[in-house]
Amino acid sequence: MSLCQVTLSANAGLALSFGGVRLWIDALHDRKVPGFSTVTPDLWTAMKSHPGFAAPDMLFFTHCHPDHFSPELTQRALERWPQARPILPENRFPGQLLLSGRRERLRLPDLTLDFIRLPHEGPQYAGVPHYGCILESRDLRILVTGDCKLCAPELADFLAEDGPIDLAILDFPWLTLPRGRRFIQEHIRPKTLLVCHLPFSGDDVCGYRTAAFQSAPQLENVEIRFLSEPLQQETLEDA
């Protein structure tokens, strides 16, 4: 039985079908950042008819950097799917859930979303409102960290509160850097790791894909999957 399905748009953009809810995370961005990929007009057209990106219930943005969030593209999505509720840490849309405190919790019938403010990677972004999240449904827990600073103590404290992580969705530096791998093994300890924020092959001018693929054997006792192709889908199945 399928427990969770994840579909990639570009970079760290995902659509999750989990806990009876369709949740998009950082899925809508259209400004090209050097060395990374974005949602092109052709990809956006494909997303609108792809079953993995069927009508969303929520649009969650970890933060509002242009490689994670486009206000224009999000507005177009809300016009197409007016039932979708935006969730983000800046006040941009009527009826949105504004993430503003250190912790926020959203309880739905079959899904709980536990948001926490986390530091963004890089001292130049210290003031950027940025949130990670643990999603929990029927004892399955999914961690999303956005662009969280590697090895942030705030994340370690969050993870120490309760319960193991079944699926972690992390940017590729957590895998390619030794201290990131140590943090995964000591604090996250996921059963499955989905590695994202990888550029598509034609945009990979810095060799991030190769570095990530070659680092995988150095992380032991974790099933590793890479989200590296547009509209790629990964499914967690019941054991």
C-alpha atoms as a PDB file:
ATOM      1  CA  MET A   1       0.000   0.000   0.000  1.00  0.00           C
ATOM      2  CA  SER A   2       1.273   3.492  -0.877  1.00  0.00           C
ATOM      3  CA  LEU A   3       1.971   5.601   2.214  1.00  0.00           C
ATOM      4  CA  CYS A   4       3.353   8.706   0.536  1.00  0.00           C
ATOM      5  CA  GLN A   5       4.019   9.839  -3.010  1.00  0.00           C
ATOM      6  CA  VAL A   6       6.476  12.617  -3.836  1.00  0.00           C
ATOM      7  CA  THR A   7       6.669  14.332  -7.233  1.00  0.00           C
ATOM      8  CA  LEU A   8       9.424  16.803  -8.186  1.00  0.00           C
ATOM      9  CA  SER A   9       8.879  20.095  -9.975  1.00  0.00           C
ATOM     10  CA  ALA A  10      12.399  21.632  -9.885  1.00  0.00           C
ATOM     11  CA  ASN A  11      15.085  22.336  -7.258  1.00  0.00           C
ATOM     12  CA  ALA A  12      13.445  21.604  -3.886  1.00  0.00           C
ATOM     13  CA  GLY A  13       9.930  21.864  -5.311  1.00  0.00           C
ATOM     14  CA  LEU A  14       7.703  18.915  -4.415  1.00  0.00           C
ATOM     15  CA  ALA A  15       4.140  17.715  -4.413  1.00  0.00           C
ATOM     16  CA  LEU A  16       3.357  15.326  -1.550  1.00  0.00           C
ATOM     17  CA  SER A  17       0.323  13.100  -1.405  1.00  0.00           C
ATOM     18  CA  PHE A  18       0.238  12.123   2.261  1.00  0.00           C
ATOM     19  CA  GLY A  19      -2.306  11.758   5.035  1.00  0.00           C
ATOM     20  CA  GLY A  20      -5.197  12.274   2.637  1.00  0.00           C
ATOM     21  CA  VAL A  21      -3.798  15.707   1.669  1.00  0.00           C
ATOM     22  CA  ARG A  22      -2.060  17.054  -1.419  1.00  0.00           C
ATOM     23  CA  LEU A  23       0.653  19.427  -0.243  1.00  0.00           C
ATOM     24  CA  TRP A  24       2.982  21.341  -2.532  1.00  0.00           C
ATOM     25  CA  ILE A  25       6.287  22.441  -0.979  1.00  0.00           C
ATOM     26  CA  ASP A  26       8.426  25.142  -2.652  1.00  0.00           C
ATOM     27  CA  ALA A  27       7.004  23.878  -5.932  1.00  0.00           C
ATOM     28  CA  LEU A  28       6.366  27.185  -7.700  1.00  0.00           C
ATOM     29  CA  HIS A  29       9.326  29.307  -8.754  1.00  0.00           C
ATOM     30  CA  ASP A  30      10.188  30.623 -12.187  1.00  0.00           C
ATOM     31  CA  ARG A  31      13.303  32.789 -11.851  1.00  0.00           C
ATOM     32  CA  LYS A  32      16.465  31.098 -13.087  1.00  0.00           C
ATOM     33  CA  VAL A  33      19.216  31.105 -10.465  1.00  0.00           C
ATOM     34  CA  PRO A  34      22.684  30.329 -11.921  1.00  0.00           C
ATOM     35  CA  GLY A  35      23.663  26.700 -11.390  1.00  0.00           C
ATOM     36  CA  PHE A  36      20.137  25.518 -10.608  1.00  0.00           C
ATOM     37  CA  SER A  37      16.883  24.783 -12.430  1.00  0.00           C
ATOM     38  CA  THR A  38      13.446  26.332 -12.308  1.00  0.00           C
ATOM     39  CA  VAL A  39       9.839  25.801 -13.386  1.00  0.00           C
ATOM     40  CA  THR A  40       9.942  26.769 -17.039  1.00  0.00           C
ATOM     41  CA  PRO A  41       6.735  27.550 -18.987  1.00  0.00           C
ATOM     42  CA  ASP A  42       6.884  24.053 -20.509  1.00  0.00           C
ATOM     43  CA  LEU A  43       7.314  22.414 -17.115  1.00  0.00           C
ATOM     44  CA  TRP A  44       4.456  24.470 -15.655  1.00  0.00           C
ATOM     45  CA  THR A  45       2.217  23.329 -18.514  1.00  0.00           C
ATOM     46  CA  ALA A  46       3.185  19.720 -17.825  1.00  0.00           C
ATOM     47  CA  MET A  47       2.581  20.127 -14.084  1.00  0.00           C
ATOM     48  CA  LYS A  48      -0.985  21.343 -14.657  1.00  0.00           C
ATOM     49  CA  SER A  49      -1.941  18.050 -16.298  1.00  0.00           C
ATOM     50  CA  HIS A  50       0.284  15.685 -14.292  1.00  0.00           C
ATOM     51  CA  PRO A  51      -1.520  13.468 -11.743  1.00  0.00           C
ATOM     52  CA  GLY A  52       1.224  14.046  -9.166  1.00  0.00           C
ATOM     53  CA  PHE A  53       0.358  17.737  -9.246  1.00  0.00           C
ATOM     54  CA  ALA A  54      -3.404  17.278  -9.145  1.00  0.00           C
ATOM     55  CA  ALA A  55      -5.439  19.921  -7.306  1.00  0.00           C
ATOM     56  CA  PRO A  56      -3.458  20.846  -4.164  1.00  0.00           C
ATOM     57  CA  ASP A  57      -4.976  21.396  -0.746  1.00  0.00           C
ATOM     58  CA  MET A  58      -2.055  23.506   0.509  1.00  0.00           C
ATOM     59  CA  LEU A  59       0.875  25.414  -0.960  1.00  0.00           C
ATOM     60  CA  PHE A  60       3.690  25.551   1.617  1.00  0.00           C
ATOM     61  CA  PHE A  61       6.792  27.674   1.063  1.00  0.00           C
ATOM     62  CA  THR A  62       9.681  27.248   3.479  1.00  0.00           C
ATOM     63  CA  HIS A  63      10.835  30.764   2.579  1.00  0.00           C
ATOM     64  CA  CYS A  64      10.451  33.308  -0.195  1.00  0.00           C
ATOM     65  CA  HIS A  65      13.762  33.164  -2.044  1.00  0.00           C
ATOM     66  CA  PRO A  66      13.271  33.128  -5.836  1.00  0.00           C
ATOM     67  CA  ASP A  67      14.514  29.545  -6.251  1.00  0.00           C
ATOM     68  CA  HIS A  68      11.708  28.410  -3.914  1.00  0.00           C
ATOM     69  CA  PHE A  69       8.848  30.866  -4.447  1.00  0.00           C
ATOM     70  CA  SER A  70       7.303  32.908  -7.229  1.00  0.00           C
ATOM     71  CA  PRO A  71       4.401  35.178  -6.196  1.00  0.00           C
ATOM     72  CA  GLU A  72       3.195  35.389  -9.783  1.00  0.00           C
ATOM     73  CA  LEU A  73       3.205  31.649 -10.421  1.00  0.00           C
ATOM     74  CA  THR A  74       1.619  30.994  -7.024  1.00  0.00           C
ATOM     75  CA  GLN A  75      -1.146  33.473  -7.824  1.00  0.00           C
ATOM     76  CA  ARG A  76      -1.815  31.648 -11.088  1.00  0.00           C
ATOM     77  CA  ALA A  77      -1.998  28.362  -9.180  1.00  0.00           C
ATOM     78  CA  LEU A  78      -4.464  29.869  -6.691  1.00  0.00           C
ATOM     79  CA  GLU A  79      -6.652  31.109  -9.538  1.00  0.00           C
ATOM     80  CA  ARG A  80      -6.656  27.615 -11.026  1.00  0.00           C
ATOM     81  CA  TRP A  81      -7.152  25.846  -7.665  1.00  0.00           C
ATOM     82  CA  PRO A  82      -8.910  28.366  -5.391  1.00  0.00           C
ATOM     83  CA  GLN A  83      -9.405  25.746  -2.653  1.00  0.00           C
ATOM     84  CA  ALA A  84      -5.640  25.606  -2.056  1.00  0.00           C
ATOM     85  CA  ARG A  85      -4.436  27.384   1.090  1.00  0.00           C
ATOM     86  CA  PRO A  86      -1.060  29.131   0.979  1.00  0.00           C
ATOM     87  CA  ILE A  87       1.285  28.651   3.946  1.00  0.00           C
ATOM     88  CA  LEU A  88       4.378  30.857   4.066  1.00  0.00           C
ATOM     89  CA  PRO A  89       6.394  33.134   6.371  1.00  0.00           C
ATOM     90  CA  GLU A  90       5.573  36.389   4.562  1.00  0.00           C
ATOM     91  CA  ASN A  91       2.159  37.992   4.206  1.00  0.00           C
ATOM     92  CA  ARG A  92       1.442  37.664   0.481  1.00  0.00           C
ATOM     93  CA  PHE A  93      -2.065  36.252  -0.102  1.00  0.00           C
ATOM     94  CA  PRO A  94      -5.564  36.669   1.369  1.00  0.00           C
ATOM     95  CA  GLY A  95      -6.557  33.762   3.585  1.00  0.00           C
ATOM     96  CA  GLN A  96      -3.042  32.383   3.886  1.00  0.00           C
ATOM     97  CA  LEU A  97      -1.585  30.819   7.021  1.00  0.00           C
ATOM     98  CA  LEU A  98       1.196  33.213   8.030  1.00  0.00           C
ATOM     99  CA  LEU A  99       4.077  31.467   9.762  1.00  0.00           C
ATOM    100  CA  SER A 100       5.409  33.957  12.285  1.00  0.00           C
ATOM    101  CA  GLY A 101       6.172  32.311  15.634  1.00  0.00           C
ATOM    102  CA  ARG A 102       8.978  29.990  16.597  1.00  0.00           C
ATOM    103  CA  ARG A 103       6.544  27.074  16.361  1.00  0.00           C
ATOM    104  CA  GLU A 104       3.250  26.668  14.524  1.00  0.00           C
ATOM    105  CA  ARG A 105       1.047  23.576  14.366  1.00  0.00           C
ATOM    106  CA  LEU A 106      -1.725  22.723  11.944  1.00  0.00           C
ATOM    107  CA  ARG A 107      -3.944  19.753  12.769  1.00  0.00           C
ATOM    108  CA  LEU A 108      -6.062  18.113  10.082  1.00  0.00           C
ATOM    109  CA  PRO A 109      -8.198  14.957  10.403  1.00  0.00           C
ATOM    110  CA  ASP A 110      -5.423  12.600   9.214  1.00  0.00           C
ATOM    111  CA  LEU A 111      -2.348  14.810   9.172  1.00  0.00           C
ATOM    112  CA  THR A 112      -0.444  17.058  11.574  1.00  0.00           C
ATOM    113  CA  LEU A 113       2.008  19.669  10.307  1.00  0.00           C
ATOM    114  CA  ASP A 114       4.501  20.893  12.906  1.00  0.00           C
ATOM    115  CA  PHE A 115       6.374  23.975  11.650  1.00  0.00           C
ATOM    116  CA  ILE A 116       9.510  25.408  13.243  1.00  0.00           C
ATOM    117  CA  ARG A 117      11.561  28.448  12.381  1.00  0.00           C
ATOM    118  CA  LEU A 118      15.059  27.353  11.352  1.00  0.00           C
ATOM    119  CA  PRO A 119      18.117  29.396  10.297  1.00  0.00           C
ATOM    120  CA  HIS A 120      18.762  29.578   6.575  1.00  0.00           C
ATOM    121  CA  GLU A 121      22.163  28.433   5.344  1.00  0.00           C
ATOM    122  CA  GLY A 122      24.635  31.311   5.009  1.00  0.00           C
ATOM    123  CA  PRO A 123      25.240  34.241   7.373  1.00  0.00           C
ATOM    124  CA  GLN A 124      23.969  36.690   4.743  1.00  0.00           C
ATOM    125  CA  TYR A 125      20.511  35.117   5.121  1.00  0.00           C
ATOM    126  CA  ALA A 126      20.385  35.167   8.923  1.00  0.00           C
ATOM    127  CA  GLY A 127      17.317  37.423   8.938  1.00  0.00           C
ATOM    128  CA  VAL A 128      15.316  35.505   6.336  1.00  0.00           C
ATOM    129  CA  PRO A 129      12.085  34.014   7.741  1.00  0.00           C
ATOM    130  CA  HIS A 130      12.537  30.306   7.051  1.00  0.00           C
ATOM    131  CA  TYR A 131      10.620  27.260   8.291  1.00  0.00           C
ATOM    132  CA  GLY A 132      11.047  23.523   8.336  1.00  0.00           C
ATOM    133  CA  CYS A 133       8.282  21.054   9.049  1.00  0.00           C
ATOM    134  CA  ILE A 134       7.548  17.577  10.330  1.00  0.00           C
ATOM    135  CA  LEU A 135       4.456  16.003   8.816  1.00  0.00           C
ATOM    136  CA  GLU A 136       2.897  13.107  10.706  1.00  0.00           C
ATOM    137  CA  SER A 137       0.123  10.740   9.714  1.00  0.00           C
ATOM    138  CA  ARG A 138      -0.594   7.340  11.255  1.00  0.00           C
ATOM    139  CA  ASP A 139       2.849   7.104  12.881  1.00  0.00           C
ATOM    140  CA  LEU A 140       4.699   7.959   9.649  1.00  0.00           C
ATOM    141  CA  ARG A 141       6.845  11.073  10.053  1.00  0.00           C
ATOM    142  CA  ILE A 142       8.322  13.150   7.230  1.00  0.00           C
ATOM    143  CA  LEU A 143      10.951  15.863   7.767  1.00  0.00           C
ATOM    144  CA  VAL A 144      11.308  18.820   5.385  1.00  0.00           C
ATOM    145  CA  THR A 145      14.148  21.249   6.169  1.00  0.00           C
ATOM    146  CA  GLY A 146      14.138  23.661   3.216  1.00  0.00           C
ATOM    147  CA  ASP A 147      17.453  25.509   3.066  1.00  0.00           C
ATOM    148  CA  CYS A 148      18.191  25.024   6.766  1.00  0.00           C
ATOM    149  CA  LYS A 149      21.722  25.761   7.931  1.00  0.00           C
ATOM    150  CA  LEU A 150      23.692  22.534   8.060  1.00  0.00           C
ATOM    151  CA  CYS A 151      23.820  21.032  11.545  1.00  0.00           C
ATOM    152  CA  ALA A 152      21.715  23.809  13.062  1.00  0.00           C
ATOM    153  CA  PRO A 153      21.214  23.198  16.808  1.00  0.00           C
ATOM    154  CA  GLU A 154      17.611  24.384  16.416  1.00  0.00           C
ATOM    155  CA  LEU A 155      16.994  21.422  14.120  1.00  0.00           C
ATOM    156  CA  ALA A 156      18.741  19.005  16.480  1.00  0.00           C
ATOM    157  CA  ASP A 157      16.535  20.194  19.352  1.00  0.00           C
ATOM    158  CA  PHE A 158      13.409  19.867  17.215  1.00  0.00           C
ATOM    159  CA  LEU A 159      14.284  16.305  16.256  1.00  0.00           C
ATOM    160  CA  ALA A 160      15.036  15.329  19.855  1.00  0.00           C
ATOM    161  CA  GLU A 161      11.510  16.076  21.027  1.00  0.00           C
ATOM    162  CA  ASP A 162       9.719  12.886  19.970  1.00  0.00           C
ATOM    163  CA  GLY A 163       9.642  10.010  17.558  1.00  0.00           C
ATOM    164  CA  PRO A 164      11.849   8.795  14.708  1.00  0.00           C
ATOM    165  CA  ILE A 165      11.899  10.198  11.184  1.00  0.00           C
ATOM    166  CA  ASP A 166      10.785   7.796   8.477  1.00  0.00           C
ATOM    167  CA  LEU A 167      11.491  10.046   5.491  1.00  0.00           C
ATOM    168  CA  ALA A 168      13.832  13.035   5.386  1.00  0.00           C
ATOM    169  CA  ILE A 169      13.790  15.409   2.415  1.00  0.00           C
ATOM    170  CA  LEU A 170      17.081  17.321   2.425  1.00  0.00           C
ATOM    171  CA  ASP A 171      19.127  19.561   0.141  1.00  0.00           C
ATOM    172  CA  PHE A 172      22.117  17.793  -1.372  1.00  0.00           C
ATOM    173  CA  PRO A 173      24.863  19.425   0.816  1.00  0.00           C
ATOM    174  CA  TRP A 174      23.612  17.362   3.758  1.00  0.00           C
ATOM    175  CA  LEU A 175      24.837  14.333   1.815  1.00  0.00           C
ATOM    176  CA  THR A 176      27.948  15.730   0.146  1.00  0.00           C
ATOM    177  CA  LEU A 177      29.526  17.324   3.234  1.00  0.00           C
ATOM    178  CA  PRO A 178      30.909  15.066   6.013  1.00  0.00           C
ATOM    179  CA  ARG A 179      29.375  17.140   8.815  1.00  0.00           C
ATOM    180  CA  GLY A 180      26.000  16.898   7.101  1.00  0.00           C
ATOM    181  CA  ARG A 181      26.268  13.108   6.933  1.00  0.00           C
ATOM    182  CA  ARG A 182      27.245  12.966  10.607  1.00  0.00           C
ATOM    183  CA  PHE A 183      24.213  15.048  11.555  1.00  0.00           C
ATOM    184  CA  ILE A 184      21.950  12.742   9.535  1.00  0.00           C
ATOM    185  CA  GLN A 185      23.343   9.695  11.324  1.00  0.00           C
ATOM    186  CA  GLU A 186      23.344  11.206  14.816  1.00  0.00           C
ATOM    187  CA  HIS A 187      20.166  13.310  14.854  1.00  0.00           C
ATOM    188  CA  ILE A 188      17.827  12.559  11.928  1.00  0.00           C
ATOM    189  CA  ARG A 189      18.388   8.802  11.512  1.00  0.00           C
ATOM    190  CA  PRO A 190      15.840   8.448   8.708  1.00  0.00           C
ATOM    191  CA  LYS A 191      14.822   5.175   7.159  1.00  0.00           C
ATOM    192  CA  THR A 192      14.722   6.858   3.744  1.00  0.00           C
ATOM    193  CA  LEU A 193      16.451   9.994   2.490  1.00  0.00           C
ATOM    194  CA  LEU A 194      15.236  11.968  -0.524  1.00  0.00           C
ATOM    195  CA  VAL A 195      17.966  14.273  -1.796  1.00  0.00           C
ATOM    196  CA  CYS A 196      16.717  17.390  -3.576  1.00  0.00           C
ATOM    197  CA  HIS A 197      17.725  20.886  -4.759  1.00  0.00           C
ATOM    198  CA  LEU A 198      19.806  19.226  -7.458  1.00  0.00           C
ATOM    199  CA  PRO A 199      19.932  21.000 -10.827  1.00  0.00           C
ATOM    200  CA  PHE A 200      18.774  19.142 -13.897  1.00  0.00           C
ATOM    201  CA  SER A 201      21.692  17.822 -15.947  1.00  0.00           C
ATOM    202  CA  GLY A 202      21.735  20.698 -18.443  1.00  0.00           C
ATOM    203  CA  ASP A 203      21.986  23.265 -15.642  1.00  0.00           C
ATOM    204  CA  ASP A 204      24.620  21.515 -13.523  1.00  0.00           C
ATOM    205  CA  VAL A 205      27.601  23.779 -14.212  1.00  0.00           C
ATOM    206  CA  CYS A 206      29.115  23.145 -10.749  1.00  0.00           C
ATOM    207  CA  GLY A 207      29.010  19.333 -10.680  1.00  0.00           C
ATOM    208  CA  TYR A 208      26.528  19.121  -7.818  1.00  0.00           C
ATOM    209  CA  ARG A 209      24.836  16.034  -9.250  1.00  0.00           C
ATOM    210  CA  THR A 210      28.059  14.050  -9.557  1.00  0.00           C
ATOM    211  CA  ALA A 211      29.146  15.062  -6.062  1.00  0.00           C
ATOM    212  CA  ALA A 212      25.823  13.954  -4.594  1.00  0.00           C
ATOM    213  CA  PHE A 213      25.720  10.628  -6.449  1.00  0.00           C
ATOM    214  CA  GLN A 214      29.309   9.808  -5.454  1.00  0.00           C
ATOM    215  CA  SER A 215      28.676  10.662  -1.787  1.00  0.00           C
ATOM    216  CA  ALA A 216      25.793   8.232  -1.341  1.00  0.00           C
ATOM    217  CA  PRO A 217      27.908   5.179  -0.367  1.00  0.00           C
ATOM    218  CA  GLN A 218      29.406   7.166   2.521  1.00  0.00           C
ATOM    219  CA  LEU A 219      26.070   7.336   4.330  1.00  0.00           C
ATOM    220  CA  GLU A 220      25.365   3.898   5.754  1.00  0.00           C
ATOM    221  CA  ASN A 221      22.125   2.236   6.834  1.00  0.00           C
ATOM    222  CA  VAL A 222      19.894   4.717   4.996  1.00  0.00           C
ATOM    223  CA  GLU A 223      17.973   4.152   1.783  1.00  0.00           C
ATOM    224  CA  ILE A 224      18.926   7.089  -0.449  1.00  0.00           C
ATOM    225  CA  ARG A 225      16.919   8.299  -3.418  1.00  0.00           C
ATOM    226  CA  PHE A 226      17.702  11.300  -5.610  1.00  0.00           C
ATOM    227  CA  LEU A 227      15.106  13.734  -6.907  1.00  0.00           C
ATOM    228  CA  SER A 228      16.934  14.864 -10.017  1.00  0.00           C
ATOM    229  CA  GLU A 229      14.559  14.817 -13.000  1.00  0.00           C
ATOM    230  CA  PRO A 230      11.462  16.940 -13.735  1.00  0.00           C
ATOM    231  CA  LEU A 231       8.206  15.273 -12.696  1.00  0.00           C
ATOM    232  CA  GLN A 232      10.112  12.355 -11.154  1.00  0.00           C
ATOM    233  CA  GLN A 233       8.002  10.402  -8.672  1.00  0.00           C
ATOM    234  CA  GLU A 234       9.045   8.431  -5.606  1.00  0.00           C
ATOM    235  CA  THR A 235       6.657   6.345  -3.530  1.00  0.00           C
ATOM    236  CA  LEU A 236       6.959   4.994  -0.005  1.00  0.00           C
ATOM    237  CA  GLU A 237       5.205   1.685   0.297  1.00  0.00           C
ATOM    238  CA  ASP A 238       3.933  -0.078   3.395  1.00  0.00           C
ATOM    239  CA  ALA A 239       6.343  -2.797   4.436  1.00  0.00           C
END
